Amino acid sequence: METQNTSTNTRKEVIDISDEQDRNYWAARLGVSSEKLKSTIRAIHSMEFSKLNDFLRMEKIKSASTYQRFANS
Protein backbone atom coordinates (compact mmCIF):
# COMPACT_ATOMS: atom_id res chain seq x y z
CA MET A 1 0.00 0.00 0.00
CA GLU A 2 1.39 3.34 -1.03
CA THR A 3 0.91 6.30 1.30
CA GLN A 4 1.25 9.89 0.33
CA ASN A 5 2.36 12.69 2.54
CA THR A 6 0.10 15.63 1.68
CA SER A 7 2.50 18.22 3.07
CA THR A 8 5.21 17.22 0.60
CA ASN A 9 2.75 16.97 -2.31
CA THR A 10 1.10 20.33 -1.67
CA ARG A 11 2.67 23.05 -3.72
CA LYS A 12 2.28 26.61 -2.51
CA GLU A 13 1.76 29.18 -5.20
CA VAL A 14 3.56 32.40 -4.37
CA ILE A 15 2.50 35.50 -6.22
CA ASP A 16 5.14 37.71 -7.79
CA ILE A 17 3.90 41.26 -8.27
CA SER A 18 7.18 42.85 -9.29
CA ASP A 19 6.46 42.29 -12.99
CA GLU A 20 3.38 44.00 -14.43
CA GLN A 21 2.48 41.04 -16.63
CA ASP A 22 2.66 38.63 -13.67
CA ARG A 23 0.69 41.05 -11.50
CA ASN A 24 -2.04 41.27 -14.15
CA TYR A 25 -2.13 37.46 -14.46
CA TRP A 26 -2.59 36.95 -10.72
CA ALA A 27 -5.10 39.78 -10.44
CA ALA A 28 -7.18 38.25 -13.23
CA ARG A 29 -6.92 34.81 -11.65
CA LEU A 30 -8.20 36.23 -8.36
CA GLY A 31 -10.84 38.38 -10.07
CA VAL A 32 -9.54 41.72 -8.77
CA SER A 33 -7.65 44.73 -10.10
CA SER A 34 -3.89 44.85 -9.81
CA GLU A 35 -4.23 47.69 -7.27
CA LYS A 36 -6.59 45.57 -5.16
CA LEU A 37 -4.10 42.69 -5.36
CA LYS A 38 -1.28 44.92 -4.09
CA SER A 39 -3.38 46.36 -1.26
CA THR A 40 -4.51 42.88 -0.20
CA ILE A 41 -0.91 41.66 -0.07
CA ARG A 42 -0.05 44.64 2.13
CA ALA A 43 -3.09 44.02 4.35
CA ILE A 44 -2.46 40.34 5.07
CA HIS A 45 1.35 40.36 4.77
CA SER A 46 1.38 37.32 2.52
CA MET A 47 2.02 36.59 -1.13
CA GLU A 48 0.64 33.05 -1.00
CA PHE A 49 -2.17 32.52 -3.51
CA SER A 50 -4.35 30.39 -1.22
CA LYS A 51 -4.24 32.95 1.61
CA LEU A 52 -5.00 35.82 -0.73
CA ASN A 53 -7.84 33.86 -2.33
CA ASP A 54 -9.34 33.01 1.07
CA PHE A 55 -9.08 36.62 2.26
CA LEU A 56 -10.68 38.01 -0.89
CA ARG A 57 -13.46 35.41 -0.78
CA MET A 58 -14.27 36.31 2.84
CA GLU A 59 -14.17 40.01 1.98
CA LYS A 60 -16.74 39.44 -0.78
CA ILE A 61 -18.97 37.47 1.58
CA LYS A 62 -18.80 40.18 4.23
CA SER A 63 -19.48 42.87 1.68
CA ALA A 64 -22.50 40.99 0.31
CA SER A 65 -23.98 40.40 3.77
CA THR A 66 -23.46 44.07 4.66
CA TYR A 67 -25.29 45.07 1.50
CA GLN A 68 -28.16 42.70 2.31
CA ARG A 69 -28.52 44.19 5.79
CA PHE A 70 -28.56 47.69 4.29
CA ALA A 71 -31.08 46.74 1.60
CA ASN A 72 -33.39 45.07 4.13
CA SER A 73 -33.46 48.13 6.42
PDB file of N, CA and C in Angstrom:
ATOM      1  N   MET A   1       0.853  -1.187   0.000  1.00  0.00           N
ATOM      2  CA  MET A   1       0.000   0.000   0.000  1.00  0.00           C
ATOM      3  C   MET A   1       0.888   1.236   0.000  1.00  0.00           C
ATOM      4  N   GLU A   2       0.592   2.125  -0.899  1.00  0.00           N
ATOM      5  CA  GLU A   2       1.391   3.342  -1.030  1.00  0.00           C
ATOM      6  C   GLU A   2       0.715   4.477  -0.276  1.00  0.00           C
ATOM      7  N   THR A   3       1.465   5.153   0.575  1.00  0.00           N
ATOM      8  CA  THR A   3       0.915   6.297   1.303  1.00  0.00           C
ATOM      9  C   THR A   3       1.538   7.571   0.764  1.00  0.00           C
ATOM     10  N   GLN A   4       0.761   8.600   0.801  1.00  0.00           N
ATOM     11  CA  GLN A   4       1.251   9.891   0.326  1.00  0.00           C
ATOM     12  C   GLN A   4       1.229  10.897   1.456  1.00  0.00           C
ATOM     13  N   ASN A   5       2.288  11.630   1.555  1.00  0.00           N
ATOM     14  CA  ASN A   5       2.356  12.692   2.543  1.00  0.00           C
ATOM     15  C   ASN A   5       1.849  13.964   1.876  1.00  0.00           C
ATOM     16  N   THR A   6       0.706  14.474   2.339  1.00  0.00           N
ATOM     17  CA  THR A   6       0.099  15.633   1.681  1.00  0.00           C
ATOM     18  C   THR A   6       0.954  16.885   1.826  1.00  0.00           C
ATOM     19  N   SER A   7       1.709  17.000   2.903  1.00  0.00           N
ATOM     20  CA  SER A   7       2.500  18.215   3.069  1.00  0.00           C
ATOM     21  C   SER A   7       3.619  18.301   2.042  1.00  0.00           C
ATOM     22  N   THR A   8       4.154  17.166   1.607  1.00  0.00           N
ATOM     23  CA  THR A   8       5.205  17.218   0.598  1.00  0.00           C
ATOM     24  C   THR A   8       4.629  17.315  -0.808  1.00  0.00           C
ATOM     25  N   ASN A   9       3.379  16.907  -0.989  1.00  0.00           N
ATOM     26  CA  ASN A   9       2.753  16.967  -2.307  1.00  0.00           C
ATOM     27  C   ASN A   9       2.061  18.301  -2.569  1.00  0.00           C
ATOM     28  N   THR A  10       1.779  19.054  -1.520  1.00  0.00           N
ATOM     29  CA  THR A  10       1.104  20.328  -1.674  1.00  0.00           C
ATOM     30  C   THR A  10       2.110  21.377  -2.102  1.00  0.00           C
ATOM     31  N   ARG A  11       1.794  22.020  -3.197  1.00  0.00           N
ATOM     32  CA  ARG A  11       2.674  23.051  -3.717  1.00  0.00           C
ATOM     33  C   ARG A  11       2.050  24.405  -3.460  1.00  0.00           C
ATOM     34  N   LYS A  12       2.777  25.259  -2.776  1.00  0.00           N
ATOM     35  CA  LYS A  12       2.277  26.607  -2.513  1.00  0.00           C
ATOM     36  C   LYS A  12       2.583  27.490  -3.710  1.00  0.00           C
ATOM     37  N   GLU A  13       1.577  28.233  -4.112  1.00  0.00           N
ATOM     38  CA  GLU A  13       1.757  29.180  -5.202  1.00  0.00           C
ATOM     39  C   GLU A  13       2.022  30.545  -4.585  1.00  0.00           C
ATOM     40  N   VAL A  14       3.186  31.091  -4.879  1.00  0.00           N
ATOM     41  CA  VAL A  14       3.561  32.399  -4.368  1.00  0.00           C
ATOM     42  C   VAL A  14       3.455  33.402  -5.504  1.00  0.00           C
ATOM     43  N   ILE A  15       2.774  34.478  -5.223  1.00  0.00           N
ATOM     44  CA  ILE A  15       2.505  35.499  -6.221  1.00  0.00           C
ATOM     45  C   ILE A  15       3.670  36.466  -6.306  1.00  0.00           C
ATOM     46  N   ASP A  16       4.090  36.726  -7.534  1.00  0.00           N
ATOM     47  CA  ASP A  16       5.142  37.709  -7.788  1.00  0.00           C
ATOM     48  C   ASP A  16       4.489  38.919  -8.431  1.00  0.00           C
ATOM     49  N   ILE A  17       4.549  40.060  -7.737  1.00  0.00           N
ATOM     50  CA  ILE A  17       3.902  41.258  -8.274  1.00  0.00           C
ATOM     51  C   ILE A  17       4.904  42.276  -8.802  1.00  0.00           C
ATOM     52  N   SER A  18       6.168  41.898  -8.840  1.00  0.00           N
ATOM     53  CA  SER A  18       7.182  42.848  -9.295  1.00  0.00           C
ATOM     54  C   SER A  18       7.087  43.106 -10.797  1.00  0.00           C
ATOM     55  N   ASP A  19       6.610  42.146 -11.549  1.00  0.00           N
ATOM     56  CA  ASP A  19       6.461  42.290 -12.994  1.00  0.00           C
ATOM     57  C   ASP A  19       4.993  42.584 -13.315  1.00  0.00           C
ATOM     58  N   GLU A  20       4.752  43.592 -14.128  1.00  0.00           N
ATOM     59  CA  GLU A  20       3.381  43.998 -14.428  1.00  0.00           C
ATOM     60  C   GLU A  20       2.569  42.880 -15.079  1.00  0.00           C
ATOM     61  N   GLN A  21       3.187  42.132 -15.965  1.00  0.00           N
ATOM     62  CA  GLN A  21       2.482  41.040 -16.632  1.00  0.00           C
ATOM     63  C   GLN A  21       2.079  39.953 -15.627  1.00  0.00           C
ATOM     64  N   ASP A  22       2.985  39.611 -14.720  1.00  0.00           N
ATOM     65  CA  ASP A  22       2.661  38.631 -13.674  1.00  0.00           C
ATOM     66  C   ASP A  22       1.574  39.157 -12.753  1.00  0.00           C
ATOM     67  N   ARG A  23       1.685  40.429 -12.382  1.00  0.00           N
ATOM     68  CA  ARG A  23       0.693  41.048 -11.498  1.00  0.00           C
ATOM     69  C   ARG A  23      -0.685  41.006 -12.150  1.00  0.00           C
ATOM     70  N   ASN A  24      -0.751  41.306 -13.431  1.00  0.00           N
ATOM     71  CA  ASN A  24      -2.036  41.272 -14.146  1.00  0.00           C
ATOM     72  C   ASN A  24      -2.588  39.852 -14.233  1.00  0.00           C
ATOM     73  N   TYR A  25      -1.706  38.867 -14.426  1.00  0.00           N
ATOM     74  CA  TYR A  25      -2.131  37.464 -14.464  1.00  0.00           C
ATOM     75  C   TYR A  25      -2.777  37.067 -13.138  1.00  0.00           C
ATOM     76  N   TRP A  26      -2.079  37.346 -12.030  1.00  0.00           N
ATOM     77  CA  TRP A  26      -2.590  36.950 -10.716  1.00  0.00           C
ATOM     78  C   TRP A  26      -3.859  37.716 -10.359  1.00  0.00           C
ATOM     79  N   ALA A  27      -3.903  38.991 -10.714  1.00  0.00           N
ATOM     80  CA  ALA A  27      -5.098  39.785 -10.441  1.00  0.00           C
ATOM     81  C   ALA A  27      -6.302  39.206 -11.187  1.00  0.00           C
ATOM     82  N   ALA A  28      -6.099  38.851 -12.456  1.00  0.00           N
ATOM     83  CA  ALA A  28      -7.183  38.252 -13.234  1.00  0.00           C
ATOM     84  C   ALA A  28      -7.583  36.905 -12.656  1.00  0.00           C
ATOM     85  N   ARG A  29      -6.618  36.131 -12.227  1.00  0.00           N
ATOM     86  CA  ARG A  29      -6.924  34.814 -11.650  1.00  0.00           C
ATOM     87  C   ARG A  29      -7.732  34.945 -10.366  1.00  0.00           C
ATOM     88  N   LEU A  30      -7.460  36.003  -9.601  1.00  0.00           N
ATOM     89  CA  LEU A  30      -8.196  36.233  -8.359  1.00  0.00           C
ATOM     90  C   LEU A  30      -9.467  37.060  -8.575  1.00  0.00           C
ATOM     91  N   GLY A  31      -9.637  37.599  -9.772  1.00  0.00           N
ATOM     92  CA  GLY A  31     -10.836  38.378 -10.073  1.00  0.00           C
ATOM     93  C   GLY A  31     -10.840  39.762  -9.464  1.00  0.00           C
ATOM     94  N   VAL A  32      -9.654  40.375  -9.337  1.00  0.00           N
ATOM     95  CA  VAL A  32      -9.539  41.717  -8.768  1.00  0.00           C
ATOM     96  C   VAL A  32      -8.630  42.559  -9.655  1.00  0.00           C
ATOM     97  N   SER A  33      -8.573  43.853  -9.376  1.00  0.00           N
ATOM     98  CA  SER A  33      -7.651  44.728 -10.097  1.00  0.00           C
ATOM     99  C   SER A  33      -6.238  44.528  -9.550  1.00  0.00           C
ATOM    100  N   SER A  34      -5.260  44.982 -10.287  1.00  0.00           N
ATOM    101  CA  SER A  34      -3.885  44.848  -9.809  1.00  0.00           C
ATOM    102  C   SER A  34      -3.659  45.704  -8.567  1.00  0.00           C
ATOM    103  N   GLU A  35      -4.342  46.847  -8.468  1.00  0.00           N
ATOM    104  CA  GLU A  35      -4.227  47.686  -7.273  1.00  0.00           C
ATOM    105  C   GLU A  35      -4.828  46.984  -6.056  1.00  0.00           C
ATOM    106  N   LYS A  36      -5.960  46.317  -6.252  1.00  0.00           N
ATOM    107  CA  LYS A  36      -6.588  45.567  -5.160  1.00  0.00           C
ATOM    108  C   LYS A  36      -5.686  44.415  -4.723  1.00  0.00           C
ATOM    109  N   LEU A  37      -5.038  43.770  -5.672  1.00  0.00           N
ATOM    110  CA  LEU A  37      -4.104  42.694  -5.356  1.00  0.00           C
ATOM    111  C   LEU A  37      -2.975  43.218  -4.483  1.00  0.00           C
ATOM    112  N   LYS A  38      -2.384  44.348  -4.874  1.00  0.00           N
ATOM    113  CA  LYS A  38      -1.280  44.921  -4.094  1.00  0.00           C
ATOM    114  C   LYS A  38      -1.738  45.327  -2.695  1.00  0.00           C
ATOM    115  N   SER A  39      -2.901  45.929  -2.581  1.00  0.00           N
ATOM    116  CA  SER A  39      -3.381  46.360  -1.262  1.00  0.00           C
ATOM    117  C   SER A  39      -3.721  45.162  -0.376  1.00  0.00           C
ATOM    118  N   THR A  40      -4.212  44.084  -0.975  1.00  0.00           N
ATOM    119  CA  THR A  40      -4.508  42.877  -0.200  1.00  0.00           C
ATOM    120  C   THR A  40      -3.226  42.240   0.317  1.00  0.00           C
ATOM    121  N   ILE A  41      -2.203  42.203  -0.506  1.00  0.00           N
ATOM    122  CA  ILE A  41      -0.913  41.658  -0.073  1.00  0.00           C
ATOM    123  C   ILE A  41      -0.387  42.473   1.099  1.00  0.00           C
ATOM    124  N   ARG A  42      -0.497  43.795   1.018  1.00  0.00           N
ATOM    125  CA  ARG A  42      -0.053  44.642   2.127  1.00  0.00           C
ATOM    126  C   ARG A  42      -0.897  44.396   3.377  1.00  0.00           C
ATOM    127  N   ALA A  43      -2.190  44.190   3.204  1.00  0.00           N
ATOM    128  CA  ALA A  43      -3.092  44.018   4.347  1.00  0.00           C
ATOM    129  C   ALA A  43      -2.843  42.717   5.110  1.00  0.00           C
ATOM    130  N   ILE A  44      -2.603  41.626   4.376  1.00  0.00           N
ATOM    131  CA  ILE A  44      -2.460  40.339   5.070  1.00  0.00           C
ATOM    132  C   ILE A  44      -1.012  39.885   5.195  1.00  0.00           C
ATOM    133  N   HIS A  45      -0.088  40.658   4.664  1.00  0.00           N
ATOM    134  CA  HIS A  45       1.349  40.358   4.767  1.00  0.00           C
ATOM    135  C   HIS A  45       1.685  38.971   4.259  1.00  0.00           C
ATOM    136  N   SER A  46       1.105  38.624   3.125  1.00  0.00           N
ATOM    137  CA  SER A  46       1.375  37.325   2.520  1.00  0.00           C
ATOM    138  C   SER A  46       1.268  37.445   1.013  1.00  0.00           C
ATOM    139  N   MET A  47       2.081  36.644   0.325  1.00  0.00           N
ATOM    140  CA  MET A  47       2.015  36.589  -1.127  1.00  0.00           C
ATOM    141  C   MET A  47       1.622  35.193  -1.590  1.00  0.00           C
ATOM    142  N   GLU A  48       1.058  34.407  -0.683  1.00  0.00           N
ATOM    143  CA  GLU A  48       0.639  33.051  -1.003  1.00  0.00           C
ATOM    144  C   GLU A  48      -0.768  33.086  -1.600  1.00  0.00           C
ATOM    145  N   PHE A  49      -0.907  32.477  -2.782  1.00  0.00           N
ATOM    146  CA  PHE A  49      -2.172  32.517  -3.512  1.00  0.00           C
ATOM    147  C   PHE A  49      -3.349  32.049  -2.662  1.00  0.00           C
ATOM    148  N   SER A  50      -3.214  30.937  -1.974  1.00  0.00           N
ATOM    149  CA  SER A  50      -4.355  30.394  -1.224  1.00  0.00           C
ATOM    150  C   SER A  50      -4.806  31.342  -0.113  1.00  0.00           C
ATOM    151  N   LYS A  51      -3.865  32.003   0.546  1.00  0.00           N
ATOM    152  CA  LYS A  51      -4.236  32.947   1.606  1.00  0.00           C
ATOM    153  C   LYS A  51      -4.909  34.183   1.033  1.00  0.00           C
ATOM    154  N   LEU A  52      -4.381  34.671  -0.081  1.00  0.00           N
ATOM    155  CA  LEU A  52      -5.002  35.819  -0.734  1.00  0.00           C
ATOM    156  C   LEU A  52      -6.406  35.472  -1.229  1.00  0.00           C
ATOM    157  N   ASN A  53      -6.543  34.306  -1.822  1.00  0.00           N
ATOM    158  CA  ASN A  53      -7.838  33.864  -2.332  1.00  0.00           C
ATOM    159  C   ASN A  53      -8.851  33.743  -1.193  1.00  0.00           C
ATOM    160  N   ASP A  54      -8.447  33.146  -0.082  1.00  0.00           N
ATOM    161  CA  ASP A  54      -9.339  33.009   1.075  1.00  0.00           C
ATOM    162  C   ASP A  54      -9.753  34.377   1.613  1.00  0.00           C
ATOM    163  N   PHE A  55      -8.789  35.280   1.747  1.00  0.00           N
ATOM    164  CA  PHE A  55      -9.076  36.617   2.256  1.00  0.00           C
ATOM    165  C   PHE A  55     -10.061  37.350   1.348  1.00  0.00           C
ATOM    166  N   LEU A  56      -9.803  37.316   0.053  1.00  0.00           N
ATOM    167  CA  LEU A  56     -10.683  38.008  -0.890  1.00  0.00           C
ATOM    168  C   LEU A  56     -12.076  37.394  -0.920  1.00  0.00           C
ATOM    169  N   ARG A  57     -12.161  36.076  -0.810  1.00  0.00           N
ATOM    170  CA  ARG A  57     -13.458  35.407  -0.776  1.00  0.00           C
ATOM    171  C   ARG A  57     -14.254  35.842   0.459  1.00  0.00           C
ATOM    172  N   MET A  58     -13.581  35.890   1.610  1.00  0.00           N
ATOM    173  CA  MET A  58     -14.265  36.315   2.838  1.00  0.00           C
ATOM    174  C   MET A  58     -14.675  37.780   2.753  1.00  0.00           C
ATOM    175  N   GLU A  59     -13.840  38.587   2.139  1.00  0.00           N
ATOM    176  CA  GLU A  59     -14.167  40.005   1.975  1.00  0.00           C
ATOM    177  C   GLU A  59     -15.426  40.177   1.122  1.00  0.00           C
ATOM    178  N   LYS A  60     -15.547  39.376   0.073  1.00  0.00           N
ATOM    179  CA  LYS A  60     -16.736  39.445  -0.781  1.00  0.00           C
ATOM    180  C   LYS A  60     -17.979  38.996  -0.026  1.00  0.00           C
ATOM    181  N   ILE A  61     -17.835  37.960   0.791  1.00  0.00           N
ATOM    182  CA  ILE A  61     -18.970  37.470   1.579  1.00  0.00           C
ATOM    183  C   ILE A  61     -19.421  38.530   2.570  1.00  0.00           C
ATOM    184  N   LYS A  62     -18.466  39.140   3.260  1.00  0.00           N
ATOM    185  CA  LYS A  62     -18.802  40.180   4.234  1.00  0.00           C
ATOM    186  C   LYS A  62     -19.458  41.366   3.550  1.00  0.00           C
ATOM    187  N   SER A  63     -18.933  41.738   2.420  1.00  0.00           N
ATOM    188  CA  SER A  63     -19.479  42.868   1.681  1.00  0.00           C
ATOM    189  C   SER A  63     -20.902  42.571   1.214  1.00  0.00           C
ATOM    190  N   ALA A  64     -21.164  41.370   0.764  1.00  0.00           N
ATOM    191  CA  ALA A  64     -22.499  40.989   0.307  1.00  0.00           C
ATOM    192  C   ALA A  64     -23.484  40.974   1.468  1.00  0.00           C
ATOM    193  N   SER A  65     -23.068  40.450   2.627  1.00  0.00           N
ATOM    194  CA  SER A  65     -23.981  40.401   3.771  1.00  0.00           C
ATOM    195  C   SER A  65     -24.242  41.801   4.308  1.00  0.00           C
ATOM    196  N   THR A  66     -23.266  42.685   4.244  1.00  0.00           N
ATOM    197  CA  THR A  66     -23.464  44.072   4.660  1.00  0.00           C
ATOM    198  C   THR A  66     -24.471  44.747   3.746  1.00  0.00           C
ATOM    199  N   TYR A  67     -24.349  44.497   2.458  1.00  0.00           N
ATOM    200  CA  TYR A  67     -25.291  45.072   1.501  1.00  0.00           C
ATOM    201  C   TYR A  67     -26.708  44.565   1.773  1.00  0.00           C
ATOM    202  N   GLN A  68     -26.836  43.273   2.045  1.00  0.00           N
ATOM    203  CA  GLN A  68     -28.160  42.699   2.306  1.00  0.00           C
ATOM    204  C   GLN A  68     -28.793  43.343   3.544  1.00  0.00           C
ATOM    205  N   ARG A  69     -27.986  43.559   4.588  1.00  0.00           N
ATOM    206  CA  ARG A  69     -28.519  44.191   5.793  1.00  0.00           C
ATOM    207  C   ARG A  69     -28.981  45.617   5.485  1.00  0.00           C
ATOM    208  N   PHE A  70     -28.208  46.337   4.675  1.00  0.00           N
ATOM    209  CA  PHE A  70     -28.562  47.693   4.290  1.00  0.00           C
ATOM    210  C   PHE A  70     -29.826  47.715   3.446  1.00  0.00           C
ATOM    211  N   ALA A  71     -29.923  46.790   2.509  1.00  0.00           N
ATOM    212  CA  ALA A  71     -31.080  46.737   1.602  1.00  0.00           C
ATOM    213  C   ALA A  71     -32.348  46.344   2.334  1.00  0.00           C
ATOM    214  N   ASN A  72     -32.217  45.530   3.369  1.00  0.00           N
ATOM    215  CA  ASN A  72     -33.390  45.075   4.127  1.00  0.00           C
ATOM    216  C   ASN A  72     -33.837  46.064   5.189  1.00  0.00           C
ATOM    217  N   SER A  73     -33.095  47.132   5.387  1.00  0.00           N
ATOM    218  CA  SER A  73     -33.457  48.129   6.417  1.00  0.00           C
ATOM    219  C   SER A  73     -34.598  49.002   5.979  1.00  0.00           C
TER     220      SER A  73
END
